[in-house]
């Protein structure tokens, strides 16, 4: 993870220190954590921790969670995060479907909607559909007072974190208690600017500023990333450690890469275009314009009903990735995999095991991952508030 382990007592870095405290409060769960423990684990002074927790309590983000006996002196007061003090919406926008979730500060899903959508219908129609699903998802959640509290809750500290993530908190919370919306969809795209490139099969989206278009319509901060990156971020936030590749096989094929705990997007958000590595020079044409791409071969095998062949091709491509990046784990996801996981697990595992025997290395384990791209998209909004520099 690209984050500092300790805090520093400088006014200019109060946002960083607040993120450290919020992250520990979140990790402590309902049982809570004492101010002394917060000071010890962040490296902040007890006075600095008291100021930060005081602001969080005033804002409704933290409350007392009881007391714990002390080895000397009076019992320690425990504090815990208030998950419902703020929410984020995550959108998984696929080529033919949309799934939206509303999550609280702890990352728990508290609302969900699904709808059919067609990326080929054009930008305006899709933006209108996404905005409608977001508004429907949050309608009736809290009131104006709760929205104001959520906006005040993180104060200047949240603004600093949000600004570093490319967000502008100038937009008022026009939707109740909503901190922002994260949108994950097929790439390629520019994560920093929220601009789509030539999405495979939908060239008309090339250059469309999706982030700004949605932010104008909704009046809240919006983040945009590739579906695979969002899923990988969600897995890392949920506790998946080390360096791993999340391979997503659905209507297309891509990879989300986490290297040393950090999502690796590349200088132009181009990392993880896994489906467009050529493995057969004279292979069938791919929608990207090349021939013999892993995506084209995999999807063709799936269409024929030959899941064993699809898994073999996926395993060969995964082996290339393992050899290139020396990762610790391969995770398989996407609706094509999750609907029939066993053939893909067996096939990919067999290819990686054979590779390991040839090289004399320990086999890289293969597991399935939950299809939670929308939850990962919500973390594009929430993760920076808790000090995740890679969100």
Protein backbone atom coordinates (compact mmCIF):
# COMPACT_ATOMS: atom_id res chain seq x y z
CA UNK A 1 0.00 0.00 0.00
CA UNK A 2 1.17 3.51 -0.83
CA UNK A 3 0.55 4.96 2.60
CA UNK A 4 2.63 6.08 5.55
CA UNK A 5 2.36 3.94 8.66
CA UNK A 6 2.46 6.83 11.13
CA UNK A 7 0.97 10.28 11.40
CA UNK A 8 2.74 13.62 11.63
CA UNK A 9 1.62 16.54 13.77
CA UNK A 10 1.62 19.25 11.13
CA UNK A 11 -1.49 21.34 10.47
CA UNK A 12 -1.02 20.92 6.72
CA UNK A 13 -1.41 17.16 7.07
CA UNK A 14 -4.48 17.09 9.27
CA UNK A 15 -6.40 15.35 6.51
CA UNK A 16 -3.85 12.54 6.43
CA UNK A 17 -4.02 12.17 10.20
CA UNK A 18 -7.81 12.10 10.18
CA UNK A 19 -7.73 9.37 7.54
CA UNK A 20 -5.41 7.33 9.76
CA UNK A 21 -7.80 7.65 12.70
CA UNK A 22 -10.88 6.90 10.58
CA UNK A 23 -9.24 3.78 9.19
CA UNK A 24 -8.46 2.48 12.68
CA UNK A 25 -11.98 3.25 13.87
CA UNK A 26 -13.38 1.36 10.91
CA UNK A 27 -11.07 -1.60 11.56
CA UNK A 28 -12.01 -1.74 15.23
CA UNK A 29 -15.64 -2.46 14.39
CA UNK A 30 -18.45 -2.24 16.92
CA UNK A 31 -16.09 -3.02 19.80
CA UNK A 32 -14.31 0.28 19.38
CA UNK A 33 -10.80 1.50 20.16
CA UNK A 34 -9.42 3.86 22.80
CA UNK A 35 -7.76 7.20 22.18
CA UNK A 36 -4.54 5.86 23.70
CA UNK A 37 -4.52 2.96 21.24
CA UNK A 38 -5.18 5.38 18.40
CA UNK A 39 -2.20 7.46 19.48
CA UNK A 40 0.06 4.42 19.79
CA UNK A 41 -0.91 2.99 16.40
CA UNK A 42 -0.78 6.24 14.43
CA UNK A 43 2.25 7.83 16.10
CA UNK A 44 0.19 10.95 16.82
CA UNK A 45 0.26 12.65 20.19
CA UNK A 46 -2.70 12.00 22.54
CA UNK A 47 -3.60 15.70 22.21
CA UNK A 48 -3.76 15.45 18.41
CA UNK A 49 -5.90 12.31 18.63
CA UNK A 50 -8.26 14.01 21.08
CA UNK A 51 -8.73 16.93 18.69
CA UNK A 52 -9.39 14.67 15.73
CA UNK A 53 -11.79 12.37 17.58
CA UNK A 54 -13.54 15.41 19.06
CA UNK A 55 -14.24 16.73 15.56
CA UNK A 56 -15.40 13.31 14.42
CA UNK A 57 -17.78 13.00 17.37
CA UNK A 58 -19.21 16.46 16.79
CA UNK A 59 -19.80 15.55 13.17
CA UNK A 60 -21.57 12.32 14.07
CA UNK A 61 -18.87 10.09 12.56
CA UNK A 62 -17.75 8.60 15.88
CA UNK A 63 -19.51 7.75 19.15
CA UNK A 64 -18.58 6.17 22.45
CA UNK A 65 -18.63 2.37 22.48
CA UNK A 66 -18.31 1.73 26.21
CA UNK A 67 -15.27 1.46 28.46
CA UNK A 68 -12.36 -0.91 28.92
CA UNK A 69 -10.57 -1.60 32.18
CA UNK A 70 -7.11 -0.04 32.43
CA UNK A 71 -4.03 -1.44 34.13
CA UNK A 72 -3.85 1.81 36.07
CA UNK A 73 -6.07 4.84 36.44
CA UNK A 74 -9.61 5.24 35.21
CA UNK A 75 -11.17 2.95 32.55
CA UNK A 76 -10.48 3.90 28.94
CA UNK A 77 -13.33 5.25 26.84
CA UNK A 78 -13.75 3.38 23.57
CA UNK A 79 -14.80 5.05 20.32
CA UNK A 80 -16.29 3.48 17.20
CA UNK A 81 -17.16 4.60 13.70
CA UNK A 82 -20.80 5.38 12.85
CA UNK A 83 -21.20 3.54 9.52
CA UNK A 84 -24.43 5.28 8.59
CA UNK A 85 -22.94 8.77 8.85
CA UNK A 86 -22.18 8.70 5.13
CA UNK A 87 -22.81 6.58 2.05
CA UNK A 88 -21.37 6.03 -1.40
CA UNK A 89 -22.93 4.52 -4.51
CA UNK A 90 -21.02 2.08 -6.68
CA UNK A 91 -22.07 1.39 -10.27
CA UNK A 92 -20.98 -1.56 -12.39
CA UNK A 93 -21.81 -0.48 -15.93
CA UNK A 94 -21.37 -3.45 -18.24
CA UNK A 95 -22.02 -3.59 -21.97
CA UNK A 96 -25.57 -4.87 -21.45
CA UNK A 97 -26.43 -4.47 -17.75
CA UNK A 98 -26.06 -2.19 -14.77
CA UNK A 99 -25.77 -3.04 -11.08
CA UNK A 100 -25.83 -0.29 -8.46
CA UNK A 101 -25.16 -0.61 -4.73
CA UNK A 102 -25.31 1.88 -1.87
CA UNK A 103 -22.77 1.17 0.86
CA UNK A 104 -22.13 2.76 4.24
CA UNK A 105 -18.78 3.91 5.60
CA UNK A 106 -17.96 0.37 6.72
CA UNK A 107 -18.46 -0.90 3.17
CA UNK A 108 -21.68 -2.77 3.99
CA UNK A 109 -24.23 -2.89 1.18
CA UNK A 110 -27.47 -1.25 2.34
CA UNK A 111 -29.25 -0.99 -1.01
CA UNK A 112 -29.05 -2.52 -4.50
CA UNK A 113 -30.62 -2.09 -7.93
CA UNK A 114 -30.12 -3.90 -11.23
CA UNK A 115 -31.23 -2.87 -14.70
CA UNK A 116 -30.68 -3.70 -18.35
CA UNK A 117 -28.62 -1.16 -20.28
CA UNK A 118 -27.07 -0.94 -23.74
CA UNK A 119 -23.78 0.91 -24.15
CA UNK A 120 -24.62 1.13 -27.84
CA UNK A 121 -27.63 3.36 -27.06
CA UNK A 122 -25.31 6.37 -26.85
CA UNK A 123 -23.77 8.46 -24.11
CA UNK A 124 -26.76 10.66 -23.30
CA UNK A 125 -29.15 7.72 -22.89
CA UNK A 126 -26.70 5.76 -20.74
CA UNK A 127 -25.86 8.74 -18.52
CA UNK A 128 -29.57 9.38 -18.04
CA UNK A 129 -30.12 5.72 -17.11
CA UNK A 130 -27.23 5.68 -14.64
CA UNK A 131 -28.37 8.91 -13.00
CA UNK A 132 -31.89 7.54 -12.70
CA UNK A 133 -30.69 4.39 -10.96
CA UNK A 134 -28.53 6.40 -8.53
CA UNK A 135 -31.40 8.72 -7.65
CA UNK A 136 -33.78 5.78 -7.19
CA UNK A 137 -31.27 4.00 -4.98
CA UNK A 138 -30.84 6.89 -2.55
CA UNK A 139 -34.35 8.35 -2.58
CA UNK A 140 -35.75 8.60 0.92
CA UNK A 141 -32.40 8.03 2.69
CA UNK A 142 -32.16 10.59 5.50
CA UNK A 143 -33.14 14.21 5.08
CA UNK A 144 -31.57 17.56 4.54
CA UNK A 145 -30.19 17.56 8.07
CA UNK A 146 -28.47 14.24 7.52
CA UNK A 147 -27.08 15.43 4.23
CA UNK A 148 -25.68 18.54 5.90
CA UNK A 149 -24.18 16.43 8.68
CA UNK A 150 -22.56 14.13 6.15
CA UNK A 151 -21.07 17.08 4.30
CA UNK A 152 -19.80 18.62 7.52
CA UNK A 153 -18.67 15.35 9.04
CA UNK A 154 -15.30 15.11 7.35
CA UNK A 155 -14.86 18.88 7.13
CA UNK A 156 -11.69 20.30 5.67
CA UNK A 157 -9.95 16.99 6.30
CA UNK A 158 -12.22 15.14 3.88
CA UNK A 159 -11.91 17.96 1.38
CA UNK A 160 -8.17 17.53 1.42
CA UNK A 161 -8.36 13.79 0.88
CA UNK A 162 -10.99 14.25 -1.81
CA UNK A 163 -8.95 16.90 -3.58
CA UNK A 164 -5.95 14.58 -3.72
CA UNK A 165 -8.19 12.00 -5.39
CA UNK A 166 -9.24 14.36 -8.15
CA UNK A 167 -12.64 15.07 -6.57
CA UNK A 168 -14.18 18.48 -6.13
CA UNK A 169 -16.39 18.84 -3.08
CA UNK A 170 -17.73 22.13 -4.40
CA UNK A 171 -20.85 20.27 -5.54
CA UNK A 172 -23.39 20.35 -2.74
CA UNK A 173 -24.94 17.12 -1.54
CA UNK A 174 -28.05 17.23 -3.70
CA UNK A 175 -28.67 13.58 -2.83
CA UNK A 176 -29.11 12.81 0.89
CA UNK A 177 -26.00 11.66 2.81
CA UNK A 178 -24.23 10.77 -0.43
CA UNK A 179 -20.46 11.32 -0.45
CA UNK A 180 -20.08 10.43 -4.12
CA UNK A 181 -20.58 7.90 -6.89
CA UNK A 182 -18.03 5.47 -8.29
CA UNK A 183 -18.56 4.05 -11.78
CA UNK A 184 -16.74 0.97 -13.08
CA UNK A 185 -17.02 -0.10 -16.70
CA UNK A 186 -14.99 -1.79 -19.46
CA UNK A 187 -11.86 0.04 -20.56
CA UNK A 188 -9.75 1.46 -21.91
CA UNK A 189 -10.22 4.81 -20.17
CA UNK A 190 -8.42 7.60 -18.35
CA UNK A 191 -9.06 7.11 -14.62
CA UNK A 192 -7.58 10.48 -13.64
CA UNK A 193 -9.81 12.56 -15.91
CA UNK A 194 -12.77 10.19 -16.03
CA UNK A 195 -12.69 10.11 -19.84
CA UNK A 196 -13.45 7.00 -21.85
CA UNK A 197 -11.30 5.80 -24.72
CA UNK A 198 -12.30 3.42 -27.51
CA UNK A 199 -14.25 0.84 -25.49
CA UNK A 200 -13.97 -2.46 -27.37
CA UNK A 201 -17.08 -2.84 -29.51
CA UNK A 202 -18.31 0.71 -28.79
CA UNK A 203 -15.98 3.18 -30.55
CA UNK A 204 -18.57 5.98 -30.27
CA UNK A 205 -17.63 6.40 -26.59
CA UNK A 206 -14.07 7.43 -27.46
CA UNK A 207 -13.28 10.71 -25.67
CA UNK A 208 -16.55 10.97 -23.74
CA UNK A 209 -16.09 12.74 -20.32
CA UNK A 210 -18.26 10.35 -18.31
CA UNK A 211 -17.14 11.58 -14.89
CA UNK A 212 -17.97 15.23 -15.56
CA UNK A 213 -21.24 14.42 -17.32
CA UNK A 214 -22.50 12.40 -14.36
CA UNK A 215 -21.20 14.87 -11.78
CA UNK A 216 -23.09 17.70 -13.46
CA UNK A 217 -26.29 15.69 -13.52
CA UNK A 218 -26.07 14.34 -9.96
CA UNK A 219 -24.40 17.24 -8.18
CA UNK A 220 -22.00 14.97 -6.25
CA UNK A 221 -18.39 13.88 -6.81
CA UNK A 222 -17.96 11.06 -9.33
CA UNK A 223 -15.02 8.71 -9.91
CA UNK A 224 -14.62 6.49 -12.99
CA UNK A 225 -12.37 3.46 -13.40
CA UNK A 226 -12.13 0.18 -15.26
CA UNK A 227 -14.32 -2.60 -13.87
CA UNK A 228 -11.28 -4.78 -13.20
CA UNK A 229 -9.46 -2.06 -11.26
CA UNK A 230 -12.52 -1.36 -9.14
CA UNK A 231 -12.96 -5.04 -8.35
CA UNK A 232 -9.27 -5.37 -7.44
CA UNK A 233 -9.50 -2.32 -5.17
CA UNK A 234 -12.54 -3.78 -3.45
CA UNK A 235 -10.70 -7.05 -2.85
CA UNK A 236 -7.66 -5.24 -1.43
CA UNK A 237 -9.80 -3.10 0.88
CA UNK A 238 -11.64 -6.23 2.02
CA UNK A 239 -8.35 -7.76 3.14
CA UNK A 240 -6.78 -9.57 0.16
CA UNK A 241 -3.04 -9.17 0.74
CA UNK A 242 0.13 -9.19 -1.32
CA UNK A 243 0.34 -9.05 -5.10
CA UNK A 244 -2.48 -10.61 -7.09
CA UNK A 245 -4.28 -10.52 -10.41
CA UNK A 246 -8.05 -10.45 -10.64
CA UNK A 247 -9.13 -11.87 -14.02
CA UNK A 248 -12.65 -10.82 -15.00
CA UNK A 249 -14.41 -12.83 -17.70
CA UNK A 250 -17.87 -11.56 -18.57
CA UNK A 251 -18.91 -9.81 -21.76
CA UNK A 252 -15.18 -9.14 -22.18
CA UNK A 253 -11.93 -10.11 -20.47
CA UNK A 254 -9.63 -7.92 -18.42
CA UNK A 255 -7.39 -7.93 -15.36
CA UNK A 256 -7.10 -5.85 -12.24
CA UNK A 257 -3.58 -5.85 -10.83
CA UNK A 258 -2.62 -5.27 -7.20
CA UNK A 259 1.13 -5.06 -6.70
CA UNK A 260 2.36 -4.87 -3.12
CA UNK A 261 -1.11 -3.94 -1.88
CA UNK A 262 -1.58 -1.10 -4.39
CA UNK A 263 -3.79 -1.09 -7.48
CA UNK A 264 -1.50 -0.81 -10.49
CA UNK A 265 -3.15 1.23 -13.24
CA UNK A 266 -0.13 2.36 -15.22
CA UNK A 267 0.75 5.87 -16.34
CA UNK A 268 -2.27 6.06 -18.67
CA UNK A 269 -4.65 3.63 -16.90
CA UNK A 270 -3.56 1.12 -19.51
CA UNK A 271 -2.38 -1.67 -17.22
CA UNK A 272 -4.53 -4.78 -17.09
CA UNK A 273 -5.67 -4.87 -20.74
CA UNK A 274 -5.23 -8.58 -20.25
CA UNK A 275 -7.75 -9.72 -22.84
CA UNK A 276 -5.84 -8.17 -25.71
CA UNK A 277 -2.55 -10.03 -25.42
CA UNK A 278 -2.04 -12.00 -28.62
CA UNK A 279 -1.50 -15.73 -28.08
CA UNK A 280 -2.25 -16.96 -31.62
CA UNK A 281 -0.70 -14.94 -34.44
CA UNK A 282 -3.06 -16.31 -37.11
CA UNK A 283 -6.05 -16.47 -34.77
CA UNK A 284 -9.54 -15.07 -35.26
CA UNK A 285 -10.03 -11.31 -35.48
CA UNK A 286 -10.78 -9.43 -32.27
CA UNK A 287 -12.97 -6.33 -31.92
CA UNK A 288 -9.84 -4.42 -30.89
CA UNK A 289 -8.49 -4.79 -34.44
CA UNK A 290 -5.85 -7.42 -33.70
CA UNK A 291 -5.97 -11.19 -34.24
CA UNK A 292 -5.68 -14.10 -31.84
CA UNK A 293 -6.36 -12.12 -28.66
CA UNK A 294 -7.09 -14.04 -25.47
CA UNK A 295 -10.50 -12.36 -25.23
CA UNK A 296 -11.54 -13.41 -28.72
CA UNK A 297 -10.38 -17.00 -28.20
CA UNK A 298 -11.97 -17.27 -24.74
CA UNK A 299 -15.32 -15.81 -25.73
CA UNK A 300 -15.48 -17.93 -28.87
CA UNK A 301 -14.91 -21.08 -26.79
CA UNK A 302 -17.57 -19.99 -24.29
CA UNK A 303 -20.04 -19.39 -27.13
CA UNK A 304 -19.37 -22.93 -28.42
CA UNK A 305 -19.97 -24.28 -24.94
CA UNK A 306 -16.36 -25.50 -24.69
CA UNK A 307 -15.55 -24.23 -21.20
CA UNK A 308 -12.52 -26.51 -20.91
CA UNK A 309 -10.92 -24.80 -23.92
CA UNK A 310 -11.88 -21.35 -22.61
CA UNK A 311 -10.22 -22.21 -19.31
CA UNK A 312 -7.10 -23.54 -21.04
CA UNK A 313 -6.69 -20.29 -23.01
CA UNK A 314 -7.33 -18.27 -19.87
CA UNK A 315 -4.73 -20.36 -18.04
CA UNK A 316 -2.10 -19.78 -20.74
CA UNK A 317 -2.66 -16.04 -20.51
CA UNK A 318 -2.59 -16.19 -16.71
CA UNK A 319 0.72 -18.04 -16.93
CA UNK A 320 2.15 -15.21 -19.01
CA UNK A 321 1.03 -12.78 -16.32
CA UNK A 322 2.55 -14.85 -13.52
CA UNK A 323 5.85 -15.08 -15.39
CA UNK A 324 5.88 -11.33 -16.08
CA UNK A 325 4.84 -10.00 -12.66
CA UNK A 326 5.71 -12.83 -10.24
CA UNK A 327 2.38 -12.42 -8.46
CA UNK A 328 1.24 -14.44 -5.42
CA UNK A 329 -2.33 -15.28 -6.41
CA UNK A 330 -4.72 -15.47 -9.37
CA UNK A 331 -8.38 -14.67 -8.69
CA UNK A 332 -11.09 -15.50 -11.22
CA UNK A 333 -14.33 -13.54 -11.46
CA UNK A 334 -16.95 -12.14 -13.80
CA UNK A 335 -20.36 -13.58 -14.56
CA UNK A 336 -19.10 -16.18 -17.03
CA UNK A 337 -16.83 -17.63 -14.36
CA UNK A 338 -19.16 -17.27 -11.38
CA UNK A 339 -22.02 -18.98 -13.23
CA UNK A 340 -19.87 -22.12 -13.80
CA UNK A 341 -16.71 -21.80 -11.70
CA UNK A 342 -15.41 -25.38 -11.54
CA UNK A 343 -14.24 -25.80 -15.17
CA UNK A 344 -12.37 -22.50 -15.01
CA UNK A 345 -10.75 -23.28 -11.67
CA UNK A 346 -9.63 -26.71 -12.87
CA UNK A 347 -8.43 -25.49 -16.25
CA UNK A 348 -6.46 -22.45 -15.09
CA UNK A 349 -5.02 -24.35 -12.14
CA UNK A 350 -3.85 -27.19 -14.40
CA UNK A 351 -2.00 -24.80 -16.73
CA UNK A 352 -0.32 -22.96 -13.84
CA UNK A 353 0.63 -26.25 -12.14
CA UNK A 354 2.22 -27.53 -15.36
CA UNK A 355 4.14 -24.27 -15.68
CA UNK A 356 5.38 -24.56 -12.09
CA UNK A 357 6.62 -28.10 -12.68
CA UNK A 358 8.60 -26.96 -15.71
CA UNK A 359 10.19 -24.05 -13.88
CA UNK A 360 10.64 -25.76 -10.52
CA UNK A 361 8.69 -23.02 -8.78
CA UNK A 362 5.87 -23.28 -6.27
CA UNK A 363 2.49 -23.21 -8.05
CA UNK A 364 0.59 -19.95 -7.84
CA UNK A 365 -2.80 -20.63 -6.22
CA UNK A 366 -6.03 -19.98 -8.11
CA UNK A 367 -9.32 -19.03 -6.44
CA UNK A 368 -12.63 -17.56 -7.45
CA UNK A 369 -13.57 -14.08 -6.25
CA UNK A 370 -17.06 -12.71 -5.62
CA UNK A 371 -18.54 -10.74 -8.51
CA UNK A 372 -18.56 -7.44 -6.61
CA UNK A 373 -17.45 -4.85 -9.13
CA UNK A 374 -20.11 -2.40 -7.95
CA UNK A 375 -18.88 -2.69 -4.35
CA UNK A 376 -15.36 -1.98 -5.58
CA UNK A 377 -16.66 1.04 -7.49
CA UNK A 378 -18.06 2.44 -4.23
CA UNK A 379 -14.57 2.14 -2.75
CA UNK A 380 -13.32 4.57 -5.40
CA UNK A 381 -15.18 7.14 -3.28
CA UNK A 382 -14.68 5.72 0.22
CA UNK A 383 -11.11 4.43 0.14
CA UNK A 384 -9.42 7.87 -0.01
CA UNK A 385 -11.31 8.93 3.13
CA UNK A 386 -9.56 6.12 4.97
CA UNK A 387 -6.09 6.86 3.64
CA UNK A 388 -5.97 4.57 0.63
CA UNK A 389 -3.61 6.40 -1.72
CA UNK A 390 -4.28 3.97 -4.59
CA UNK A 391 -8.01 4.63 -4.93
